[in-house]
PDB file of N, CA and C in Angstrom:
ATOM      1  N   UNK A   1      75.222  12.742   7.160  1.00  0.00           N
ATOM      2  CA  UNK A   1      74.519  13.974   7.432  1.00  0.00           C
ATOM      3  C   UNK A   1      73.610  13.831   8.651  1.00  0.00           C
ATOM      4  N   UNK A   2      73.000  12.657   8.767  1.00  0.00           N
ATOM      5  CA  UNK A   2      72.077  12.432   9.879  1.00  0.00           C
ATOM      6  C   UNK A   2      72.820  12.427  11.220  1.00  0.00           C
ATOM      7  N   UNK A   3      74.043  11.860  11.230  1.00  0.00           N
ATOM      8  CA  UNK A   3      74.830  11.832  12.456  1.00  0.00           C
ATOM      9  C   UNK A   3      75.172  13.242  12.915  1.00  0.00           C
ATOM     10  N   UNK A   4      75.531  14.098  11.986  1.00  0.00           N
ATOM     11  CA  UNK A   4      75.887  15.474  12.354  1.00  0.00           C
ATOM     12  C   UNK A   4      74.685  16.246  12.865  1.00  0.00           C
ATOM     13  N   UNK A   5      73.524  15.971  12.301  1.00  0.00           N
ATOM     14  CA  UNK A   5      72.305  16.625  12.788  1.00  0.00           C
ATOM     15  C   UNK A   5      72.007  16.185  14.220  1.00  0.00           C
ATOM     16  N   UNK A   6      72.115  14.899  14.476  1.00  0.00           N
ATOM     17  CA  UNK A   6      71.898  14.388  15.825  1.00  0.00           C
ATOM     18  C   UNK A   6      72.937  14.941  16.793  1.00  0.00           C
ATOM     19  N   UNK A   7      74.187  15.007  16.357  1.00  0.00           N
ATOM     20  CA  UNK A   7      75.243  15.563  17.199  1.00  0.00           C
ATOM     21  C   UNK A   7      74.971  17.034  17.508  1.00  0.00           C
ATOM     22  N   UNK A   8      74.537  17.792  16.518  1.00  0.00           N
ATOM     23  CA  UNK A   8      74.211  19.196  16.732  1.00  0.00           C
ATOM     24  C   UNK A   8      73.054  19.382  17.701  1.00  0.00           C
ATOM     25  N   UNK A   9      72.044  18.534  17.588  1.00  0.00           N
ATOM     26  CA  UNK A   9      70.920  18.612  18.520  1.00  0.00           C
ATOM     27  C   UNK A   9      71.337  18.269  19.941  1.00  0.00           C
ATOM     28  N   UNK A  10      72.218  17.284  20.097  1.00  0.00           N
ATOM     29  CA  UNK A  10      72.713  16.927  21.429  1.00  0.00           C
ATOM     30  C   UNK A  10      73.529  18.058  22.044  1.00  0.00           C
ATOM     31  N   UNK A  11      74.359  18.698  21.232  1.00  0.00           N
ATOM     32  CA  UNK A  11      75.152  19.829  21.734  1.00  0.00           C
ATOM     33  C   UNK A  11      74.233  20.982  22.122  1.00  0.00           C
ATOM     34  N   UNK A  12      73.226  21.259  21.307  1.00  0.00           N
ATOM     35  CA  UNK A  12      72.296  22.347  21.628  1.00  0.00           C
ATOM     36  C   UNK A  12      71.515  22.047  22.907  1.00  0.00           C
ATOM     37  N   UNK A  13      71.083  20.808  23.082  1.00  0.00           N
ATOM     38  CA  UNK A  13      70.358  20.445  24.307  1.00  0.00           C
ATOM     39  C   UNK A  13      71.257  20.548  25.527  1.00  0.00           C
ATOM     40  N   UNK A  14      72.501  20.139  25.402  1.00  0.00           N
ATOM     41  CA  UNK A  14      73.443  20.246  26.513  1.00  0.00           C
ATOM     42  C   UNK A  14      73.682  21.694  26.890  1.00  0.00           C
ATOM     43  N   UNK A  15      73.868  22.536  25.897  1.00  0.00           N
ATOM     44  CA  UNK A  15      74.093  23.957  26.189  1.00  0.00           C
ATOM     45  C   UNK A  15      72.842  24.610  26.779  1.00  0.00           C
ATOM     46  N   UNK A  16      71.675  24.193  26.338  1.00  0.00           N
ATOM     47  CA  UNK A  16      70.441  24.770  26.875  1.00  0.00           C
ATOM     48  C   UNK A  16      70.226  24.365  28.322  1.00  0.00           C
ATOM     49  N   UNK A  17      70.565  23.125  28.668  1.00  0.00           N
ATOM     50  CA  UNK A  17      70.386  22.672  30.036  1.00  0.00           C
ATOM     51  C   UNK A  17      71.487  23.159  30.968  1.00  0.00           C
ATOM     52  N   UNK A  18      72.645  23.484  30.431  1.00  0.00           N
ATOM     53  CA  UNK A  18      73.747  23.945  31.274  1.00  0.00           C
ATOM     54  C   UNK A  18      73.467  25.326  31.857  1.00  0.00           C
ATOM     55  N   UNK A  19      72.668  26.135  31.195  1.00  0.00           N
ATOM     56  CA  UNK A  19      72.405  27.486  31.699  1.00  0.00           C
ATOM     57  C   UNK A  19      71.660  27.448  33.034  1.00  0.00           C
ATOM     58  N   UNK A  20      70.808  26.459  33.246  1.00  0.00           N
ATOM     59  CA  UNK A  20      70.118  26.380  34.531  1.00  0.00           C
ATOM     60  C   UNK A  20      71.079  26.007  35.652  1.00  0.00           C
ATOM     61  N   UNK A  21      72.095  25.213  35.351  1.00  0.00           N
ATOM     62  CA  UNK A  21      73.078  24.856  36.378  1.00  0.00           C
ATOM     63  C   UNK A  21      73.935  26.054  36.740  1.00  0.00           C
ATOM     64  N   UNK A  22      74.274  26.875  35.767  1.00  0.00           N
ATOM     65  CA  UNK A  22      75.107  28.039  36.050  1.00  0.00           C
ATOM     66  C   UNK A  22      74.312  29.161  36.708  1.00  0.00           C
ATOM     67  N   UNK A  23      73.000  29.126  36.631  1.00  0.00           N
ATOM     68  CA  UNK A  23      72.173  30.169  37.215  1.00  0.00           C
ATOM     69  C   UNK A  23      71.894  29.936  38.691  1.00  0.00           C
ATOM     70  N   UNK A  24      72.299  28.797  39.240  1.00  0.00           N
ATOM     71  CA  UNK A  24      72.032  28.492  40.638  1.00  0.00           C
ATOM     72  C   UNK A  24      72.837  29.409  41.544  1.00  0.00           C
ATOM     73  N   UNK A  25      72.267  29.729  42.695  1.00  0.00           N
ATOM     74  CA  UNK A  25      72.961  30.586  43.637  1.00  0.00           C
ATOM     75  C   UNK A  25      74.047  29.803  44.347  1.00  0.00           C
ATOM     76  N   UNK A  26      75.143  30.479  44.676  1.00  0.00           N
ATOM     77  CA  UNK A  26      76.279  29.802  45.266  1.00  0.00           C
ATOM     78  C   UNK A  26      76.424  29.988  46.750  1.00  0.00           C
ATOM     79  N   UNK A  27      75.550  30.698  47.433  1.00  0.00           N
ATOM     80  CA  UNK A  27      75.683  30.953  48.860  1.00  0.00           C
ATOM     81  C   UNK A  27      74.994  29.871  49.671  1.00  0.00           C
ATOM     82  N   UNK A  28      75.452  28.647  49.557  1.00  0.00           N
ATOM     83  CA  UNK A  28      74.836  27.553  50.280  1.00  0.00           C
ATOM     84  C   UNK A  28      75.478  27.347  51.648  1.00  0.00           C
ATOM     85  N   UNK A  29      76.714  27.803  51.824  1.00  0.00           N
ATOM     86  CA  UNK A  29      77.415  27.700  53.091  1.00  0.00           C
ATOM     87  C   UNK A  29      77.668  29.118  53.583  1.00  0.00           C
ATOM     88  N   UNK A  30      77.561  29.308  54.891  1.00  0.00           N
ATOM     89  CA  UNK A  30      77.661  30.659  55.433  1.00  0.00           C
ATOM     90  C   UNK A  30      79.043  31.261  55.222  1.00  0.00           C
ATOM     91  N   UNK A  31      80.085  30.462  55.262  1.00  0.00           N
ATOM     92  CA  UNK A  31      81.433  30.983  55.102  1.00  0.00           C
ATOM     93  C   UNK A  31      81.763  31.073  53.615  1.00  0.00           C
ATOM     94  N   UNK A  32      81.698  32.257  53.064  1.00  0.00           N
ATOM     95  CA  UNK A  32      81.883  32.440  51.624  1.00  0.00           C
ATOM     96  C   UNK A  32      83.328  32.192  51.228  1.00  0.00           C
ATOM     97  N   UNK A  33      84.282  32.514  52.100  1.00  0.00           N
ATOM     98  CA  UNK A  33      85.683  32.278  51.757  1.00  0.00           C
ATOM     99  C   UNK A  33      85.965  30.791  51.616  1.00  0.00           C
ATOM    100  N   UNK A  34      85.422  30.000  52.531  1.00  0.00           N
ATOM    101  CA  UNK A  34      85.615  28.557  52.446  1.00  0.00           C
ATOM    102  C   UNK A  34      84.996  28.010  51.170  1.00  0.00           C
ATOM    103  N   UNK A  35      83.790  28.448  50.861  1.00  0.00           N
ATOM    104  CA  UNK A  35      83.097  27.938  49.681  1.00  0.00           C
ATOM    105  C   UNK A  35      83.861  28.273  48.413  1.00  0.00           C
ATOM    106  N   UNK A  36      84.322  29.496  48.299  1.00  0.00           N
ATOM    107  CA  UNK A  36      85.009  29.876  47.069  1.00  0.00           C
ATOM    108  C   UNK A  36      86.350  29.167  46.936  1.00  0.00           C
ATOM    109  N   UNK A  37      87.109  29.042  48.037  1.00  0.00           N
ATOM    110  CA  UNK A  37      88.410  28.389  47.933  1.00  0.00           C
ATOM    111  C   UNK A  37      88.258  26.885  47.756  1.00  0.00           C
ATOM    112  N   UNK A  38      87.302  26.282  48.453  1.00  0.00           N
ATOM    113  CA  UNK A  38      87.128  24.836  48.348  1.00  0.00           C
ATOM    114  C   UNK A  38      86.574  24.451  46.986  1.00  0.00           C
ATOM    115  N   UNK A  39      85.588  25.161  46.484  1.00  0.00           N
ATOM    116  CA  UNK A  39      85.030  24.816  45.178  1.00  0.00           C
ATOM    117  C   UNK A  39      86.030  25.095  44.076  1.00  0.00           C
ATOM    118  N   UNK A  40      86.867  26.107  44.254  1.00  0.00           N
ATOM    119  CA  UNK A  40      87.898  26.373  43.256  1.00  0.00           C
ATOM    120  C   UNK A  40      88.960  25.298  43.229  1.00  0.00           C
ATOM    121  N   UNK A  41      89.155  24.610  44.335  1.00  0.00           N
ATOM    122  CA  UNK A  41      90.150  23.546  44.395  1.00  0.00           C
ATOM    123  C   UNK A  41      89.559  22.203  43.994  1.00  0.00           C
ATOM    124  N   UNK A  42      88.330  21.953  44.379  1.00  0.00           N
ATOM    125  CA  UNK A  42      87.727  20.645  44.148  1.00  0.00           C
ATOM    126  C   UNK A  42      87.141  20.505  42.741  1.00  0.00           C
ATOM    127  N   UNK A  43      86.762  21.608  42.121  1.00  0.00           N
ATOM    128  CA  UNK A  43      86.121  21.536  40.806  1.00  0.00           C
ATOM    129  C   UNK A  43      87.010  20.890  39.741  1.00  0.00           C
ATOM    130  N   UNK A  44      88.279  21.261  39.605  1.00  0.00           N
ATOM    131  CA  UNK A  44      89.096  20.581  38.586  1.00  0.00           C
ATOM    132  C   UNK A  44      89.307  19.098  38.876  1.00  0.00           C
ATOM    133  N   UNK A  45      89.383  18.746  40.173  1.00  0.00           N
ATOM    134  CA  UNK A  45      89.554  17.336  40.520  1.00  0.00           C
ATOM    135  C   UNK A  45      88.301  16.550  40.136  1.00  0.00           C
ATOM    136  N   UNK A  46      87.137  17.090  40.452  1.00  0.00           N
ATOM    137  CA  UNK A  46      85.887  16.407  40.106  1.00  0.00           C
ATOM    138  C   UNK A  46      85.717  16.320  38.591  1.00  0.00           C
ATOM    139  N   UNK A  47      86.084  17.373  37.882  1.00  0.00           N
ATOM    140  CA  UNK A  47      85.993  17.364  36.424  1.00  0.00           C
ATOM    141  C   UNK A  47      86.930  16.318  35.827  1.00  0.00           C
ATOM    142  N   UNK A  48      88.157  16.251  36.339  1.00  0.00           N
ATOM    143  CA  UNK A  48      89.115  15.270  35.834  1.00  0.00           C
ATOM    144  C   UNK A  48      88.644  13.847  36.119  1.00  0.00           C
ATOM    145  N   UNK A  49      88.091  13.629  37.312  1.00  0.00           N
ATOM    146  CA  UNK A  49      87.613  12.285  37.649  1.00  0.00           C
ATOM    147  C   UNK A  49      86.449  11.879  36.748  1.00  0.00           C
ATOM    148  N   UNK A  50      85.506  12.777  36.557  1.00  0.00           N
ATOM    149  CA  UNK A  50      84.356  12.468  35.711  1.00  0.00           C
ATOM    150  C   UNK A  50      84.734  12.244  34.260  1.00  0.00           C
ATOM    151  N   UNK A  51      85.584  13.112  33.731  1.00  0.00           N
ATOM    152  CA  UNK A  51      86.005  12.941  32.339  1.00  0.00           C
ATOM    153  C   UNK A  51      86.846  11.687  32.155  1.00  0.00           C
ATOM    154  N   UNK A  52      87.697  11.389  33.138  1.00  0.00           N
ATOM    155  CA  UNK A  52      88.526  10.193  33.023  1.00  0.00           C
ATOM    156  C   UNK A  52      87.706   8.922  32.972  1.00  0.00           C
ATOM    157  N   UNK A  53      86.738   8.809  33.871  1.00  0.00           N
ATOM    158  CA  UNK A  53      85.894   7.612  33.875  1.00  0.00           C
ATOM    159  C   UNK A  53      85.010   7.577  32.632  1.00  0.00           C
ATOM    160  N   UNK A  54      84.499   8.728  32.232  1.00  0.00           N
ATOM    161  CA  UNK A  54      83.643   8.769  31.045  1.00  0.00           C
ATOM    162  C   UNK A  54      84.380   8.379  29.781  1.00  0.00           C
ATOM    163  N   UNK A  55      85.579   8.910  29.603  1.00  0.00           N
ATOM    164  CA  UNK A  55      86.354   8.558  28.408  1.00  0.00           C
ATOM    165  C   UNK A  55      86.808   7.105  28.448  1.00  0.00           C
ATOM    166  N   UNK A  56      87.160   6.611  29.626  1.00  0.00           N
ATOM    167  CA  UNK A  56      87.551   5.204  29.724  1.00  0.00           C
ATOM    168  C   UNK A  56      86.374   4.299  29.391  1.00  0.00           C
ATOM    169  N   UNK A  57      85.199   4.634  29.908  1.00  0.00           N
ATOM    170  CA  UNK A  57      84.018   3.822  29.614  1.00  0.00           C
ATOM    171  C   UNK A  57      83.653   3.899  28.133  1.00  0.00           C
ATOM    172  N   UNK A  58      83.793   5.076  27.546  1.00  0.00           N
ATOM    173  CA  UNK A  58      83.497   5.223  26.121  1.00  0.00           C
ATOM    174  C   UNK A  58      84.434   4.370  25.276  1.00  0.00           C
ATOM    175  N   UNK A  59      85.735   4.480  25.544  1.00  0.00           N
ATOM    176  CA  UNK A  59      86.702   3.702  24.769  1.00  0.00           C
ATOM    177  C   UNK A  59      86.545   2.207  24.963  1.00  0.00           C
ATOM    178  N   UNK A  60      86.315   1.799  26.205  1.00  0.00           N
ATOM    179  CA  UNK A  60      86.147   0.371  26.466  1.00  0.00           C
ATOM    180  C   UNK A  60      84.845  -0.153  25.864  1.00  0.00           C
ATOM    181  N   UNK A  61      83.798   0.660  25.875  1.00  0.00           N
ATOM    182  CA  UNK A  61      82.541   0.244  25.256  1.00  0.00           C
ATOM    183  C   UNK A  61      82.687   0.052  23.758  1.00  0.00           C
ATOM    184  N   UNK A  62      83.416   0.951  23.131  1.00  0.00           N
ATOM    185  CA  UNK A  62      83.656   0.798  21.690  1.00  0.00           C
ATOM    186  C   UNK A  62      84.496  -0.445  21.419  1.00  0.00           C
ATOM    187  N   UNK A  63      85.527  -0.660  22.239  1.00  0.00           N
ATOM    188  CA  UNK A  63      86.357  -1.853  22.073  1.00  0.00           C
ATOM    189  C   UNK A  63      85.579  -3.136  22.280  1.00  0.00           C
ATOM    190  N   UNK A  64      84.696  -3.140  23.277  1.00  0.00           N
ATOM    191  CA  UNK A  64      83.867  -4.323  23.520  1.00  0.00           C
ATOM    192  C   UNK A  64      82.929  -4.577  22.348  1.00  0.00           C
ATOM    193  N   UNK A  65      82.384  -3.522  21.807  1.00  0.00           N
ATOM    194  CA  UNK A  65      81.498  -3.682  20.650  1.00  0.00           C
ATOM    195  C   UNK A  65      82.209  -4.296  19.458  1.00  0.00           C
ATOM    196  N   UNK A  66      83.440  -3.821  19.208  1.00  0.00           N
ATOM    197  CA  UNK A  66      84.216  -4.407  18.111  1.00  0.00           C
ATOM    198  C   UNK A  66      84.556  -5.871  18.389  1.00  0.00           C
ATOM    199  N   UNK A  67      84.878  -6.172  19.631  1.00  0.00           N
ATOM    200  CA  UNK A  67      85.207  -7.557  19.976  1.00  0.00           C
ATOM    201  C   UNK A  67      84.027  -8.486  19.821  1.00  0.00           C
ATOM    202  N   UNK A  68      82.871  -8.060  20.278  1.00  0.00           N
ATOM    203  CA  UNK A  68      81.673  -8.892  20.154  1.00  0.00           C
ATOM    204  C   UNK A  68      81.270  -9.038  18.687  1.00  0.00           C
ATOM    205  N   UNK A  69      81.407  -7.958  17.923  1.00  0.00           N
ATOM    206  CA  UNK A  69      81.093  -8.057  16.495  1.00  0.00           C
ATOM    207  C   UNK A  69      82.006  -9.065  15.801  1.00  0.00           C
ATOM    208  N   UNK A  70      83.302  -9.016  16.140  1.00  0.00           N
ATOM    209  CA  UNK A  70      84.238  -9.968  15.548  1.00  0.00           C
ATOM    210  C   UNK A  70      83.937 -11.399  15.941  1.00  0.00           C
ATOM    211  N   UNK A  71      83.555 -11.586  17.201  1.00  0.00           N
ATOM    212  CA  UNK A  71      83.219 -12.946  17.651  1.00  0.00           C
ATOM    213  C   UNK A  71      81.965 -13.460  16.952  1.00  0.00           C
ATOM    214  N   UNK A  72      80.985 -12.597  16.812  1.00  0.00           N
ATOM    215  CA  UNK A  72      79.754 -13.028  16.116  1.00  0.00           C
ATOM    216  C   UNK A  72      80.029 -13.353  14.652  1.00  0.00           C
ATOM    217  N   UNK A  73      80.873 -12.570  13.994  1.00  0.00           N
ATOM    218  CA  UNK A  73      81.221 -12.865  12.608  1.00  0.00           C
ATOM    219  C   UNK A  73      82.007 -14.167  12.509  1.00  0.00           C
ATOM    220  N   UNK A  74      82.901 -14.398  13.492  1.00  0.00           N
ATOM    221  CA  UNK A  74      83.678 -15.638  13.472  1.00  0.00           C
ATOM    222  C   UNK A  74      82.804 -16.861  13.673  1.00  0.00           C
ATOM    223  N   UNK A  75      81.830 -16.772  14.573  1.00  0.00           N
ATOM    224  CA  UNK A  75      80.919 -17.903  14.797  1.00  0.00           C
ATOM    225  C   UNK A  75      80.020 -18.109  13.582  1.00  0.00           C
ATOM    226  N   UNK A  76      79.621 -17.019  12.952  1.00  0.00           N
ATOM    227  CA  UNK A  76      78.772 -17.150  11.764  1.00  0.00           C
ATOM    228  C   UNK A  76      79.525 -17.810  10.615  1.00  0.00           C
ATOM    229  N   UNK A  77      80.826 -17.556  10.499  1.00  0.00           N
ATOM    230  CA  UNK A  77      81.600 -18.154   9.410  1.00  0.00           C
ATOM    231  C   UNK A  77      81.987 -19.598   9.701  1.00  0.00           C
ATOM    232  N   UNK A  78      82.269 -19.873  10.987  1.00  0.00           N
ATOM    233  CA  UNK A  78      82.727 -21.217  11.332  1.00  0.00           C
ATOM    234  C   UNK A  78      82.090 -21.633  12.655  1.00  0.00           C
ATOM    235  N   UNK A  79      80.883 -22.182  12.618  1.00  0.00           N
ATOM    236  CA  UNK A  79      80.169 -22.512  13.852  1.00  0.00           C
ATOM    237  C   UNK A  79      80.818 -23.614  14.688  1.00  0.00           C
ATOM    238  N   UNK A  80      81.709 -24.406  14.112  1.00  0.00           N
ATOM    239  CA  UNK A  80      82.319 -25.503  14.858  1.00  0.00           C
ATOM    240  C   UNK A  80      83.248 -25.013  15.969  1.00  0.00           C
ATOM    241  N   UNK A  81      83.808 -23.826  15.833  1.00  0.00           N
ATOM    242  CA  UNK A  81      84.763 -23.318  16.827  1.00  0.00           C
ATOM    243  C   UNK A  81      84.113 -22.267  17.725  1.00  0.00           C
ATOM    244  N   UNK A  82      82.807 -22.329  17.867  1.00  0.00           N
ATOM    245  CA  UNK A  82      82.122 -21.305  18.659  1.00  0.00           C
ATOM    246  C   UNK A  82      82.540 -21.334  20.128  1.00  0.00           C
ATOM    247  N   UNK A  83      82.862 -22.511  20.657  1.00  0.00           N
ATOM    248  CA  UNK A  83      83.286 -22.616  22.050  1.00  0.00           C
ATOM    249  C   UNK A  83      84.590 -21.881  22.305  1.00  0.00           C
ATOM    250  N   UNK A  84      85.583 -22.092  21.424  1.00  0.00           N
ATOM    251  CA  UNK A  84      86.876 -21.417  21.567  1.00  0.00           C
ATOM    252  C   UNK A  84      86.727 -19.905  21.386  1.00  0.00           C
ATOM    253  N   UNK A  85      85.917 -19.519  20.429  1.00  0.00           N
ATOM    254  CA  UNK A  85      85.721 -18.088  20.182  1.00  0.00           C
ATOM    255  C   UNK A  85      85.029 -17.432  21.371  1.00  0.00           C
ATOM    256  N   UNK A  86      84.042 -18.120  21.942  1.00  0.00           N
ATOM    257  CA  UNK A  86      83.316 -17.554  23.084  1.00  0.00           C
ATOM    258  C   UNK A  86      84.230 -17.385  24.292  1.00  0.00           C
ATOM    259  N   UNK A  87      85.059 -18.392  24.571  1.00  0.00           N
ATOM    260  CA  UNK A  87      85.976 -18.297  25.706  1.00  0.00           C
ATOM    261  C   UNK A  87      86.973 -17.164  25.500  1.00  0.00           C
ATOM    262  N   UNK A  88      87.514 -17.063  24.302  1.00  0.00           N
ATOM    263  CA  UNK A  88      88.470 -15.993  24.004  1.00  0.00           C
ATOM    264  C   UNK A  88      87.800 -14.624  24.085  1.00  0.00           C
ATOM    265  N   UNK A  89      86.558 -14.534  23.605  1.00  0.00           N
ATOM    266  CA  UNK A  89      85.839 -13.261  23.661  1.00  0.00           C
ATOM    267  C   UNK A  89      85.583 -12.842  25.100  1.00  0.00           C
ATOM    268  N   UNK A  90      85.153 -13.771  25.949  1.00  0.00           N
ATOM    269  CA  UNK A  90      84.868 -13.434  27.342  1.00  0.00           C
ATOM    270  C   UNK A  90      86.141 -13.008  28.056  1.00  0.00           C
ATOM    271  N   UNK A  91      87.257 -13.663  27.787  1.00  0.00           N
ATOM    272  CA  UNK A  91      88.531 -13.278  28.378  1.00  0.00           C
ATOM    273  C   UNK A  91      88.935 -11.873  27.920  1.00  0.00           C
ATOM    274  N   UNK A  92      88.776 -11.609  26.640  1.00  0.00           N
ATOM    275  CA  UNK A  92      89.091 -10.279  26.117  1.00  0.00           C
ATOM    276  C   UNK A  92      88.192  -9.196  26.699  1.00  0.00           C
ATOM    277  N   UNK A  93      86.901  -9.494  26.851  1.00  0.00           N
ATOM    278  CA  UNK A  93      85.976  -8.521  27.436  1.00  0.00           C
ATOM    279  C   UNK A  93      86.319  -8.238  28.896  1.00  0.00           C
ATOM    280  N   UNK A  94      86.744  -9.261  29.622  1.00  0.00           N
ATOM    281  CA  UNK A  94      87.137  -9.050  31.012  1.00  0.00           C
ATOM    282  C   UNK A  94      88.367  -8.160  31.103  1.00  0.00           C
ATOM    283  N   UNK A  95      89.321  -8.357  30.209  1.00  0.00           N
ATOM    284  CA  UNK A  95      90.522  -7.510  30.219  1.00  0.00           C
ATOM    285  C   UNK A  95      90.200  -6.075  29.815  1.00  0.00           C
ATOM    286  N   UNK A  96      89.297  -5.909  28.874  1.00  0.00           N
ATOM    287  CA  UNK A  96      88.893  -4.560  28.478  1.00  0.00           C
ATOM    288  C   UNK A  96      88.156  -3.875  29.623  1.00  0.00           C
ATOM    289  N   UNK A  97      87.287  -4.608  30.300  1.00  0.00           N
ATOM    290  CA  UNK A  97      86.523  -4.040  31.409  1.00  0.00           C
ATOM    291  C   UNK A  97      87.429  -3.640  32.572  1.00  0.00           C
ATOM    292  N   UNK A  98      88.547  -4.347  32.723  1.00  0.00           N
ATOM    293  CA  UNK A  98      89.466  -3.993  33.810  1.00  0.00           C
ATOM    294  C   UNK A  98      90.058  -2.604  33.601  1.00  0.00           C
ATOM    295  N   UNK A  99      90.196  -2.177  32.370  1.00  0.00           N
ATOM    296  CA  UNK A  99      90.705  -0.822  32.122  1.00  0.00           C
ATOM    297  C   UNK A  99      89.737   0.232  32.652  1.00  0.00           C
ATOM    298  N   UNK A 100      88.450   0.016  32.486  1.00  0.00           N
ATOM    299  CA  UNK A 100      87.464   0.947  33.025  1.00  0.00           C
ATOM    300  C   UNK A 100      87.486   0.930  34.548  1.00  0.00           C
ATOM    301  N   UNK A 101      87.673  -0.234  35.136  1.00  0.00           N
ATOM    302  CA  UNK A 101      87.738  -0.321  36.593  1.00  0.00           C
ATOM    303  C   UNK A 101      88.975   0.399  37.114  1.00  0.00           C
ATOM    304  N   UNK A 102      90.104   0.303  36.402  1.00  0.00           N
ATOM    305  CA  UNK A 102      91.302   1.045  36.808  1.00  0.00           C
ATOM    306  C   UNK A 102      91.039   2.549  36.780  1.00  0.00           C
ATOM    307  N   UNK A 103      90.362   3.023  35.752  1.00  0.00           N
ATOM    308  CA  UNK A 103      90.037   4.454  35.678  1.00  0.00           C
ATOM    309  C   UNK A 103      89.110   4.862  36.813  1.00  0.00           C
ATOM    310  N   UNK A 104      88.158   3.997  37.168  1.00  0.00           N
ATOM    311  CA  UNK A 104      87.266   4.291  38.278  1.00  0.00           C
ATOM    312  C   UNK A 104      88.031   4.355  39.600  1.00  0.00           C
ATOM    313  N   UNK A 105      88.973   3.447  39.797  1.00  0.00           N
ATOM    314  CA  UNK A 105      89.773   3.453  41.024  1.00  0.00           C
ATOM    315  C   UNK A 105      90.595   4.735  41.120  1.00  0.00           C
ATOM    316  N   UNK A 106      91.189   5.157  40.023  1.00  0.00           N
ATOM    317  CA  UNK A 106      91.969   6.392  40.029  1.00  0.00           C
ATOM    318  C   UNK A 106      91.068   7.590  40.309  1.00  0.00           C
ATOM    319  N   UNK A 107      89.864   7.591  39.743  1.00  0.00           N
ATOM    320  CA  UNK A 107      88.931   8.695  40.003  1.00  0.00           C
ATOM    321  C   UNK A 107      88.515   8.723  41.467  1.00  0.00           C
ATOM    322  N   UNK A 108      88.278   7.567  42.059  1.00  0.00           N
ATOM    323  CA  UNK A 108      87.911   7.529  43.474  1.00  0.00           C
ATOM    324  C   UNK A 108      89.074   7.968  44.358  1.00  0.00           C
ATOM    325  N   UNK A 109      90.291   7.627  43.975  1.00  0.00           N
ATOM    326  CA  UNK A 109      91.455   8.103  44.728  1.00  0.00           C
ATOM    327  C   UNK A 109      91.553   9.618  44.627  1.00  0.00           C
ATOM    328  N   UNK A 110      91.322  10.153  43.435  1.00  0.00           N
ATOM    329  CA  UNK A 110      91.367  11.613  43.275  1.00  0.00           C
ATOM    330  C   UNK A 110      90.319  12.302  44.130  1.00  0.00           C
ATOM    331  N   UNK A 111      89.142  11.708  44.230  1.00  0.00           N
ATOM    332  CA  UNK A 111      88.058  12.364  44.947  1.00  0.00           C
ATOM    333  C   UNK A 111      88.113  12.163  46.450  1.00  0.00           C
ATOM    334  N   UNK A 112      88.525  10.985  46.915  1.00  0.00           N
ATOM    335  CA  UNK A 112      88.378  10.670  48.328  1.00  0.00           C
ATOM    336  C   UNK A 112      89.681  10.433  49.075  1.00  0.00           C
ATOM    337  N   UNK A 113      90.752  10.078  48.409  1.00  0.00           N
ATOM    338  CA  UNK A 113      91.996   9.784  49.104  1.00  0.00           C
ATOM    339  C   UNK A 113      93.143  10.626  48.577  1.00  0.00           C
ATOM    340  N   UNK A 114      92.831  11.814  48.114  1.00  0.00           N
ATOM    341  CA  UNK A 114      93.831  12.696  47.537  1.00  0.00           C
ATOM    342  C   UNK A 114      94.651  13.343  48.652  1.00  0.00           C
ATOM    343  N   UNK A 115      95.961  13.131  48.695  1.00  0.00           N
ATOM    344  CA  UNK A 115      96.755  13.739  49.766  1.00  0.00           C
ATOM    345  C   UNK A 115      96.806  15.255  49.671  1.00  0.00           C
ATOM    346  N   UNK A 116      96.746  15.790  48.476  1.00  0.00           N
ATOM    347  CA  UNK A 116      96.747  17.246  48.320  1.00  0.00           C
ATOM    348  C   UNK A 116      95.466  17.829  48.885  1.00  0.00           C
ATOM    349  N   UNK A 117      94.349  17.149  48.649  1.00  0.00           N
ATOM    350  CA  UNK A 117      93.073  17.601  49.192  1.00  0.00           C
ATOM    351  C   UNK A 117      93.090  17.546  50.716  1.00  0.00           C
ATOM    352  N   UNK A 118      93.725  16.503  51.281  1.00  0.00           N
ATOM    353  CA  UNK A 118      93.838  16.413  52.737  1.00  0.00           C
ATOM    354  C   UNK A 118      94.639  17.564  53.324  1.00  0.00           C
ATOM    355  N   UNK A 119      95.735  17.934  52.652  1.00  0.00           N
ATOM    356  CA  UNK A 119      96.532  19.072  53.128  1.00  0.00           C
ATOM    357  C   UNK A 119      95.744  20.366  53.021  1.00  0.00           C
ATOM    358  N   UNK A 120      94.980  20.499  51.952  1.00  0.00           N
ATOM    359  CA  UNK A 120      94.189  21.712  51.782  1.00  0.00           C
ATOM    360  C   UNK A 120      93.136  21.831  52.871  1.00  0.00           C
ATOM    361  N   UNK A 121      92.470  20.721  53.176  1.00  0.00           N
ATOM    362  CA  UNK A 121      91.453  20.751  54.214  1.00  0.00           C
ATOM    363  C   UNK A 121      92.056  20.969  55.602  1.00  0.00           C
ATOM    364  N   UNK A 122      93.259  20.423  55.816  1.00  0.00           N
ATOM    365  CA  UNK A 122      93.881  20.627  57.132  1.00  0.00           C
ATOM    366  C   UNK A 122      94.317  22.077  57.313  1.00  0.00           C
ATOM    367  N   UNK A 123      94.688  22.775  56.236  1.00  0.00           N
ATOM    368  CA  UNK A 123      95.020  24.193  56.371  1.00  0.00           C
ATOM    369  C   UNK A 123      93.794  25.017  56.696  1.00  0.00           C
ATOM    370  N   UNK A 124      92.635  24.555  56.296  1.00  0.00           N
ATOM    371  CA  UNK A 124      91.401  25.244  56.645  1.00  0.00           C
ATOM    372  C   UNK A 124      90.887  24.856  58.029  1.00  0.00           C
ATOM    373  N   UNK A 125      91.539  23.871  58.654  1.00  0.00           N
ATOM    374  CA  UNK A 125      91.104  23.410  59.965  1.00  0.00           C
ATOM    375  C   UNK A 125      89.962  22.411  59.910  1.00  0.00           C
ATOM    376  N   UNK A 126      89.766  21.773  58.752  1.00  0.00           N
ATOM    377  CA  UNK A 126      88.656  20.834  58.589  1.00  0.00           C
ATOM    378  C   UNK A 126      89.114  19.392  58.529  1.00  0.00           C
ATOM    379  N   UNK A 127      90.375  19.158  58.225  1.00  0.00           N
ATOM    380  CA  UNK A 127      90.839  17.784  58.070  1.00  0.00           C
ATOM    381  C   UNK A 127      91.554  17.289  59.301  1.00  0.00           C
ATOM    382  N   UNK A 128      91.927  16.022  59.248  1.00  0.00           N
ATOM    383  CA  UNK A 128      92.634  15.423  60.385  1.00  0.00           C
ATOM    384  C   UNK A 128      94.125  15.617  60.241  1.00  0.00           C
TER     385      UNK A 128
END
């Protein structure tokens, strides 16, 4: 019950703070056509990149927590093999962390080296 209450409070706080972001004025660039077309194209890419990295970090963090918990339980049950368990745990944590780095690389490619984005900018006369 306590978890659901905390989850509900977090959702309410997120929704309350999101209204200030949506209330901001959008006329920051003089060319309104460019702003509307560019933000309409870039927004899904930025959302996908952010969600991808966030979900990858969440999943990898949970996996790392389970791995460390298992290693601590193994050392507590059999302290003589703590060296082998520690080496195996560190290797496993490095492999889990590489998944988050792969997601980050894909997000950076989506944001900065996207060929579709380059074509879109070149049609507007802004890209190379």
